[in-house]
Amino acid sequence: MLVHTSESSAAEGGKGVGLGLALGSALAFGGSGVAAKPLIEAGLDPLHVVWLRVAGAALVMLPLAVRHRALVRRRPALLLGFGLLAVAGVQACYFAAISRIPVGVALLVEYLAPALVLGWVRFVQHRPVTRAAALGVVLAAGGLACVVEVWTGLSFDAVGLLLALCAACCQVGYFVLSDQGSDAGDEAPDPLGVIAYGLLVGALVLTAVARPWTMDWSVLKGDAHMNGNPVPAAFLLAWIVLIATVLAYVTGVVSVRRLSPQVAGVVACLEAVIATVLAWVLLGEHLSAPQIIGGAVVLLGAFIAQSSAPTKGSGEPVASGGPERELSPRETPA
């Protein structure tokens, strides 16, 4: 009995640590847009900011890539797809979106990804989905209509909204790729290795697209402004690379090992709340009451879709691409 009690306490302690790591990951990811937008407004192209983020994180994660170099031979398509969609695609579209629309709005539009994943599961994989998941999709779509205030004729920049939607579509690729090999047991690809190579692939692709040699490097020597307050640009870049990318990914992966993917994914929904609050406080990006209500409905829809996912191998209808994904509990790799 004493041994059983000790094991239960240890398990509860592990879940507590996992919950803390998941919250830390959501906080780290949520701050990426808030730190990036002042750099963009200071004169850096959104693609250049993305390249700096991905290339810097790739250098930090390089030792892990060397350690898991066998993945290049075993899973080249997975690494290439992850780098193109989950790293380069999501971040490039998201950063381009926040250069035109508020950070909170861009991230909430990205939260259509769980609904789009359901579409993939239902119409491409021809697998049934639960009624709760379908309800989550309806709520997310309705909440999004409030966020973008469709009754005003889409007062937001249409290109910015389209870019945010593209980020959501790239996230679908992230969820689908995360499912690959997750049922292979010990043969499943190590998530940290996949992330490391994803960053390397993303950095190579973005180097060709962003052409960093044309970047105005002098911007990084000066200050950027957050709601009128000067902040060293180098500090913001360090935050984006070390905290909002490396630390966010690593804590996210470790948390999903201690929690179930469903629970970790639900906690990750807080990222949108964190990003919106930080943008409000640090950037002065205020949302109207209907937008706040709509954002809450979007998150509720994502929560329902994510938490209604059955356990793997249960034979029940799936709710999202979530129960199988093993790479990270992230809802959004922004």
Foldseek 3Di string as FASTA:
>chain_A
DVVVVVVVVVLVVLLVLLLVLLLLLLLLQLCQLLLLQLLVVLPWPLLLLLLLQLVLLLVVLVVLLVVQVVCCVVPVVLLLLCLVQQRQQLSSLLSNLCNFDPNLLLVLLLLLLQVVQVVCCCPVVVFFADPLLVVLNVLSVVLNCLQQVVVVVRPGDPSSSVSSNSSSVSLSSVLVSLLPQLPVVPPRDDLSNSLSSSSVSNSVVSCVVVVNVPTPVVSQQAWGAFQRHTDRSVVSSCSSRVRNANSSQVSQLSSCVSPPLLVSLLSSLCSSVSNQVCCCVGRVDDGDPSSVVSSVSSSVSSNSLSNPADAPPPPDTGSGSGNSRNNGSHSGSD
